[in-house]
PDB file of N, CA and C in Angstrom:
ATOM      1  N   MET A   1     145.567 104.260 139.738  1.00  0.00           N
ATOM      2  CA  MET A   1     144.137 104.436 140.065  1.00  0.00           C
ATOM      3  C   MET A   1     143.753 103.374 141.360  1.00  0.00           C
ATOM      4  N   VAL A   2     143.232 103.866 142.321  1.00  0.00           N
ATOM      5  CA  VAL A   2     142.808 103.079 143.605  1.00  0.00           C
ATOM      6  C   VAL A   2     141.344 102.501 143.409  1.00  0.00           C
ATOM      7  N   THR A   3     141.008 101.038 143.374  1.00  0.00           N
ATOM      8  CA  THR A   3     139.849 100.734 143.231  1.00  0.00           C
ATOM      9  C   THR A   3     139.413 100.077 144.641  1.00  0.00           C
ATOM     10  N   ALA A   4     138.170 100.388 145.330  1.00  0.00           N
ATOM     11  CA  ALA A   4     137.897  99.647 146.487  1.00  0.00           C
ATOM     12  C   ALA A   4     136.941  98.452 146.145  1.00  0.00           C
ATOM     13  N   LEU A   5     137.474  97.160 146.903  1.00  0.00           N
ATOM     14  CA  LEU A   5     136.822  96.074 146.356  1.00  0.00           C
ATOM     15  C   LEU A   5     136.255  95.539 147.846  1.00  0.00           C
ATOM     16  N   THR A   6     135.387  94.518 147.921  1.00  0.00           N
ATOM     17  CA  THR A   6     134.799  93.903 149.116  1.00  0.00           C
ATOM     18  C   THR A   6     135.312  92.707 149.383  1.00  0.00           C
ATOM     19  N   ALA A   7     135.903  92.256 150.567  1.00  0.00           N
ATOM     20  CA  ALA A   7     136.379  90.881 150.912  1.00  0.00           C
ATOM     21  C   ALA A   7     135.339  90.504 151.931  1.00  0.00           C
ATOM     22  N   ARG A   8     135.111  89.153 151.658  1.00  0.00           N
ATOM     23  CA  ARG A   8     134.150  88.384 152.481  1.00  0.00           C
ATOM     24  C   ARG A   8     134.974  87.234 153.115  1.00  0.00           C
ATOM     25  N   TYR A   9     134.880  87.043 154.335  1.00  0.00           N
ATOM     26  CA  TYR A   9     135.460  85.850 154.946  1.00  0.00           C
ATOM     27  C   TYR A   9     134.480  84.988 155.855  1.00  0.00           C
ATOM     28  N   ILE A  10     134.569  83.750 155.589  1.00  0.00           N
ATOM     29  CA  ILE A  10     133.792  82.726 156.202  1.00  0.00           C
ATOM     30  C   ILE A  10     134.690  81.715 157.051  1.00  0.00           C
ATOM     31  N   ARG A  11     134.208  81.506 158.219  1.00  0.00           N
ATOM     32  CA  ARG A  11     134.956  80.450 158.943  1.00  0.00           C
ATOM     33  C   ARG A  11     134.534  79.149 158.506  1.00  0.00           C
ATOM     34  N   THR A  12     135.618  78.372 158.396  1.00  0.00           N
ATOM     35  CA  THR A  12     135.518  76.955 158.054  1.00  0.00           C
ATOM     36  C   THR A  12     136.037  75.987 159.071  1.00  0.00           C
ATOM     37  N   PRO A  13     135.976  74.738 158.983  1.00  0.00           N
ATOM     38  CA  PRO A  13     136.485  73.739 159.762  1.00  0.00           C
ATOM     39  C   PRO A  13     137.992  73.877 159.944  1.00  0.00           C
ATOM     40  N   SER A  14     138.541  74.152 158.803  1.00  0.00           N
ATOM     41  CA  SER A  14     139.985  74.376 158.667  1.00  0.00           C
ATOM     42  C   SER A  14     140.448  75.710 158.939  1.00  0.00           C
ATOM     43  N   GLY A  15     139.723  76.834 159.139  1.00  0.00           N
ATOM     44  CA  GLY A  15     140.284  78.152 159.194  1.00  0.00           C
ATOM     45  C   GLY A  15     139.402  79.114 158.858  1.00  0.00           C
ATOM     46  N   TYR A  16     139.741  79.825 157.380  1.00  0.00           N
ATOM     47  CA  TYR A  16     138.676  80.783 156.824  1.00  0.00           C
ATOM     48  C   TYR A  16     138.827  80.930 155.623  1.00  0.00           C
ATOM     49  N   MET A  17     137.972  80.810 154.882  1.00  0.00           N
ATOM     50  CA  MET A  17     137.808  81.150 153.281  1.00  0.00           C
ATOM     51  C   MET A  17     137.348  82.788 153.136  1.00  0.00           C
ATOM     52  N   GLY A  18     138.440  83.201 152.077  1.00  0.00           N
ATOM     53  CA  GLY A  18     138.229  84.525 151.827  1.00  0.00           C
ATOM     54  C   GLY A  18     137.779  84.818 150.334  1.00  0.00           C
ATOM     55  N   GLN A  19     137.062  85.777 150.015  1.00  0.00           N
ATOM     56  CA  GLN A  19     136.830  85.818 148.440  1.00  0.00           C
ATOM     57  C   GLN A  19     136.389  87.473 148.227  1.00  0.00           C
ATOM     58  N   ILE A  20     136.817  87.895 146.972  1.00  0.00           N
ATOM     59  CA  ILE A  20     136.450  89.223 146.542  1.00  0.00           C
ATOM     60  C   ILE A  20     135.064  89.142 145.959  1.00  0.00           C
ATOM     61  N   ILE A  21     134.091  89.849 146.795  1.00  0.00           N
ATOM     62  CA  ILE A  21     132.498  89.913 146.301  1.00  0.00           C
ATOM     63  C   ILE A  21     132.500  90.155 144.718  1.00  0.00           C
ATOM     64  N   GLU A  22     133.176  91.400 144.391  1.00  0.00           N
ATOM     65  CA  GLU A  22     133.000  91.845 142.842  1.00  0.00           C
ATOM     66  C   GLU A  22     133.737  90.921 141.900  1.00  0.00           C
ATOM     67  N   TRP A  23     134.567  90.192 142.371  1.00  0.00           N
ATOM     68  CA  TRP A  23     135.452  89.276 141.530  1.00  0.00           C
ATOM     69  C   TRP A  23     135.556  87.690 142.064  1.00  0.00           C
ATOM     70  N   PRO A  24     134.480  87.069 142.179  1.00  0.00           N
ATOM     71  CA  PRO A  24     134.215  85.778 142.717  1.00  0.00           C
ATOM     72  C   PRO A  24     135.416  84.867 142.480  1.00  0.00           C
ATOM     73  N   GLU A  25     136.198  84.901 141.432  1.00  0.00           N
ATOM     74  CA  GLU A  25     137.183  84.159 141.225  1.00  0.00           C
ATOM     75  C   GLU A  25     138.450  84.177 141.985  1.00  0.00           C
ATOM     76  N   VAL A  26     138.225  85.408 142.678  1.00  0.00           N
ATOM     77  CA  VAL A  26     139.587  85.440 143.532  1.00  0.00           C
ATOM     78  C   VAL A  26     139.037  84.937 144.853  1.00  0.00           C
ATOM     79  N   VAL A  27     139.477  83.761 145.385  1.00  0.00           N
ATOM     80  CA  VAL A  27     139.145  82.979 146.512  1.00  0.00           C
ATOM     81  C   VAL A  27     140.468  82.352 147.032  1.00  0.00           C
ATOM     82  N   THR A  28     140.429  82.434 148.408  1.00  0.00           N
ATOM     83  CA  THR A  28     141.590  81.816 149.072  1.00  0.00           C
ATOM     84  C   THR A  28     141.038  81.113 150.489  1.00  0.00           C
ATOM     85  N   GLU A  29     142.054  80.380 151.041  1.00  0.00           N
ATOM     86  CA  GLU A  29     141.822  80.039 152.365  1.00  0.00           C
ATOM     87  C   GLU A  29     142.892  80.292 153.277  1.00  0.00           C
ATOM     88  N   GLY A  30     142.816  80.337 154.661  1.00  0.00           N
ATOM     89  CA  GLY A  30     143.911  80.543 155.628  1.00  0.00           C
ATOM     90  C   GLY A  30     143.586  79.918 156.863  1.00  0.00           C
ATOM     91  N   VAL A  31     144.519  79.506 157.589  1.00  0.00           N
ATOM     92  CA  VAL A  31     144.498  78.813 159.041  1.00  0.00           C
ATOM     93  C   VAL A  31     143.944  79.756 159.881  1.00  0.00           C
ATOM     94  N   ASP A  32     144.075  80.998 159.713  1.00  0.00           N
ATOM     95  CA  ASP A  32     143.345  81.865 160.564  1.00  0.00           C
ATOM     96  C   ASP A  32     143.068  83.227 159.684  1.00  0.00           C
ATOM     97  N   LEU A  33     142.373  84.236 160.406  1.00  0.00           N
ATOM     98  CA  LEU A  33     141.781  85.386 159.657  1.00  0.00           C
ATOM     99  C   LEU A  33     142.892  86.189 159.126  1.00  0.00           C
ATOM    100  N   GLU A  34     144.165  86.405 159.892  1.00  0.00           N
ATOM    101  CA  GLU A  34     145.113  87.125 159.143  1.00  0.00           C
ATOM    102  C   GLU A  34     146.007  86.379 158.143  1.00  0.00           C
ATOM    103  N   ASP A  35     146.044  85.057 158.185  1.00  0.00           N
ATOM    104  CA  ASP A  35     146.674  84.188 157.090  1.00  0.00           C
ATOM    105  C   ASP A  35     145.770  84.501 155.795  1.00  0.00           C
ATOM    106  N   CYS A  36     144.563  84.216 155.825  1.00  0.00           N
ATOM    107  CA  CYS A  36     143.365  84.226 154.963  1.00  0.00           C
ATOM    108  C   CYS A  36     143.475  85.617 154.128  1.00  0.00           C
ATOM    109  N   ARG A  37     143.400  86.561 154.921  1.00  0.00           N
ATOM    110  CA  ARG A  37     143.506  88.270 154.459  1.00  0.00           C
ATOM    111  C   ARG A  37     144.909  88.106 153.728  1.00  0.00           C
ATOM    112  N   SER A  38     145.963  87.869 154.174  1.00  0.00           N
ATOM    113  CA  SER A  38     147.178  87.945 153.462  1.00  0.00           C
ATOM    114  C   SER A  38     147.168  87.123 152.131  1.00  0.00           C
ATOM    115  N   SER A  39     146.644  85.852 152.170  1.00  0.00           N
ATOM    116  CA  SER A  39     146.631  85.105 150.860  1.00  0.00           C
ATOM    117  C   SER A  39     145.638  85.756 149.860  1.00  0.00           C
ATOM    118  N   LEU A  40     144.542  86.405 150.443  1.00  0.00           N
ATOM    119  CA  LEU A  40     143.596  87.019 149.685  1.00  0.00           C
ATOM    120  C   LEU A  40     144.242  88.258 148.979  1.00  0.00           C
ATOM    121  N   ARG A  41     144.904  88.970 149.769  1.00  0.00           N
ATOM    122  CA  ARG A  41     145.568  90.197 149.142  1.00  0.00           C
ATOM    123  C   ARG A  41     146.696  89.605 148.101  1.00  0.00           C
ATOM    124  N   ASP A  42     147.341  88.675 148.237  1.00  0.00           N
ATOM    125  CA  ASP A  42     148.357  88.127 147.240  1.00  0.00           C
ATOM    126  C   ASP A  42     147.646  87.568 146.100  1.00  0.00           C
ATOM    127  N   ALA A  43     146.582  87.016 146.208  1.00  0.00           N
ATOM    128  CA  ALA A  43     145.796  86.304 144.876  1.00  0.00           C
ATOM    129  C   ALA A  43     145.130  87.434 144.301  1.00  0.00           C
ATOM    130  N   LEU A  44     144.680  88.691 144.871  1.00  0.00           N
ATOM    131  CA  LEU A  44     144.115  89.677 144.127  1.00  0.00           C
ATOM    132  C   LEU A  44     145.119  90.484 143.448  1.00  0.00           C
ATOM    133  N   GLU A  45     146.267  90.579 143.992  1.00  0.00           N
ATOM    134  CA  GLU A  45     147.456  91.248 143.131  1.00  0.00           C
ATOM    135  C   GLU A  45     147.790  90.444 141.980  1.00  0.00           C
ATOM    136  N   GLN A  46     147.879  89.218 142.171  1.00  0.00           N
ATOM    137  CA  GLN A  46     148.296  88.214 140.997  1.00  0.00           C
ATOM    138  C   GLN A  46     147.149  88.262 139.802  1.00  0.00           C
ATOM    139  N   MET A  47     145.859  88.400 140.173  1.00  0.00           N
ATOM    140  CA  MET A  47     144.849  88.427 139.222  1.00  0.00           C
ATOM    141  C   MET A  47     144.928  89.795 138.573  1.00  0.00           C
ATOM    142  N   VAL A  48     145.230  90.868 139.105  1.00  0.00           N
ATOM    143  CA  VAL A  48     145.168  92.201 138.577  1.00  0.00           C
ATOM    144  C   VAL A  48     146.449  92.154 137.506  1.00  0.00           C
ATOM    145  N   GLN A  49     147.465  91.539 138.041  1.00  0.00           N
ATOM    146  CA  GLN A  49     148.666  91.571 137.159  1.00  0.00           C
ATOM    147  C   GLN A  49     148.344  90.439 135.947  1.00  0.00           C
ATOM    148  N   ALA A  50     147.739  89.455 136.060  1.00  0.00           N
ATOM    149  CA  ALA A  50     147.536  88.611 134.975  1.00  0.00           C
ATOM    150  C   ALA A  50     146.431  89.292 134.013  1.00  0.00           C
ATOM    151  N   ASN A  51     145.537  90.061 134.482  1.00  0.00           N
ATOM    152  CA  ASN A  51     144.572  90.529 133.578  1.00  0.00           C
ATOM    153  C   ASN A  51     145.240  91.655 132.801  1.00  0.00           C
ATOM    154  N   LYS A  52     146.152  92.513 133.488  1.00  0.00           N
ATOM    155  CA  LYS A  52     146.895  93.451 132.820  1.00  0.00           C
ATOM    156  C   LYS A  52     147.527  93.067 131.685  1.00  0.00           C
ATOM    157  N   GLU A  53     148.455  91.805 131.865  1.00  0.00           N
ATOM    158  CA  GLU A  53     149.224  91.234 130.980  1.00  0.00           C
ATOM    159  C   GLU A  53     148.291  90.587 129.745  1.00  0.00           C
ATOM    160  N   LEU A  54     146.976  90.289 129.821  1.00  0.00           N
ATOM    161  CA  LEU A  54     146.240  89.795 128.994  1.00  0.00           C
ATOM    162  C   LEU A  54     145.284  90.905 128.347  1.00  0.00           C
ATOM    163  N   GLY A  55     145.566  91.998 128.928  1.00  0.00           N
ATOM    164  CA  GLY A  55     144.802  93.138 128.477  1.00  0.00           C
ATOM    165  C   GLY A  55     143.109  93.053 128.527  1.00  0.00           C
ATOM    166  N   LYS A  56     142.961  92.390 129.645  1.00  0.00           N
ATOM    167  CA  LYS A  56     141.590  92.276 130.274  1.00  0.00           C
ATOM    168  C   LYS A  56     141.199  93.429 131.353  1.00  0.00           C
ATOM    169  N   GLU A  57     139.871  93.831 131.404  1.00  0.00           N
ATOM    170  CA  GLU A  57     139.545  94.760 132.444  1.00  0.00           C
ATOM    171  C   GLU A  57     139.626  94.233 133.740  1.00  0.00           C
ATOM    172  N   ILE A  58     139.849  95.146 134.798  1.00  0.00           N
ATOM    173  CA  ILE A  58     139.623  94.582 136.218  1.00  0.00           C
ATOM    174  C   ILE A  58     138.238  95.004 136.472  1.00  0.00           C
ATOM    175  N   PRO A  59     137.387  93.967 137.299  1.00  0.00           N
ATOM    176  CA  PRO A  59     136.120  94.336 137.589  1.00  0.00           C
ATOM    177  C   PRO A  59     136.057  95.512 138.534  1.00  0.00           C
ATOM    178  N   THR A  60     135.563  96.589 138.362  1.00  0.00           N
ATOM    179  CA  THR A  60     135.507  97.752 139.068  1.00  0.00           C
ATOM    180  C   THR A  60     133.921  98.161 139.387  1.00  0.00           C
ATOM    181  N   GLU A  61     133.044  97.502 138.831  1.00  0.00           N
ATOM    182  CA  GLU A  61     131.555  97.898 139.339  1.00  0.00           C
ATOM    183  C   GLU A  61     131.473  97.244 140.697  1.00  0.00           C
ATOM    184  N   HIS A  62     130.593  98.124 141.277  1.00  0.00           N
ATOM    185  CA  HIS A  62     130.509  97.874 142.963  1.00  0.00           C
ATOM    186  C   HIS A  62     128.965  97.433 142.956  1.00  0.00           C
ATOM    187  N   ALA A  63     129.048  96.302 143.561  1.00  0.00           N
ATOM    188  CA  ALA A  63     127.602  95.464 143.799  1.00  0.00           C
ATOM    189  C   ALA A  63     126.998  96.223 144.903  1.00  0.00           C
ATOM    190  N   LEU A  64     125.636  96.136 144.865  1.00  0.00           N
ATOM    191  CA  LEU A  64     124.880  96.690 145.988  1.00  0.00           C
ATOM    192  C   LEU A  64     124.940  95.557 146.986  1.00  0.00           C
ATOM    193  N   LEU A  65     125.428  95.917 148.116  1.00  0.00           N
ATOM    194  CA  LEU A  65     125.177  95.026 149.264  1.00  0.00           C
ATOM    195  C   LEU A  65     124.019  95.452 150.214  1.00  0.00           C
ATOM    196  N   GLU A  66     123.461  94.548 150.716  1.00  0.00           N
ATOM    197  CA  GLU A  66     122.370  94.930 151.666  1.00  0.00           C
ATOM    198  C   GLU A  66     122.015  93.840 152.497  1.00  0.00           C
ATOM    199  N   PRO A  67     122.152  93.972 153.891  1.00  0.00           N
ATOM    200  CA  PRO A  67     121.706  93.018 154.655  1.00  0.00           C
ATOM    201  C   PRO A  67     120.420  92.643 154.772  1.00  0.00           C
ATOM    202  N   MET A  68     120.019  91.197 154.846  1.00  0.00           N
ATOM    203  CA  MET A  68     118.714  90.942 155.081  1.00  0.00           C
ATOM    204  C   MET A  68     118.514  89.947 156.243  1.00  0.00           C
ATOM    205  N   THR A  69     117.462  90.059 156.794  1.00  0.00           N
ATOM    206  CA  THR A  69     117.241  89.299 157.885  1.00  0.00           C
ATOM    207  C   THR A  69     116.136  88.294 157.897  1.00  0.00           C
ATOM    208  N   ILE A  70     116.358  87.179 158.305  1.00  0.00           N
ATOM    209  CA  ILE A  70     115.158  86.108 158.366  1.00  0.00           C
ATOM    210  C   ILE A  70     115.099  85.447 159.800  1.00  0.00           C
ATOM    211  N   GLU A  71     113.756  85.156 159.991  1.00  0.00           N
ATOM    212  CA  GLU A  71     113.499  84.535 161.365  1.00  0.00           C
ATOM    213  C   GLU A  71     113.807  83.048 161.158  1.00  0.00           C
ATOM    214  N   SER A  72     114.887  82.490 162.226  1.00  0.00           N
ATOM    215  CA  SER A  72     114.982  81.218 162.182  1.00  0.00           C
ATOM    216  C   SER A  72     114.018  80.369 163.113  1.00  0.00           C
ATOM    217  N   PRO A  73     113.605  79.309 162.755  1.00  0.00           N
ATOM    218  CA  PRO A  73     112.724  78.507 163.335  1.00  0.00           C
ATOM    219  C   PRO A  73     113.382  78.016 164.917  1.00  0.00           C
TER     220      PRO A  73
END
């Protein structure tokens, strides 16, 4: 089964932070975007494996993502 999840990347002073939106516990950091992306994929695969071993469900619900705009002073 293939499940589509959403990765979010935020630039930090030390590089990038990555997180899975639907599974916020899956979070990593990397020195650049590619490093962060690779670490996030590894962390996600490990979490999937751990949940399978524990008999837990893998989050598959999809959040409704919607851009919002605000006016900055």
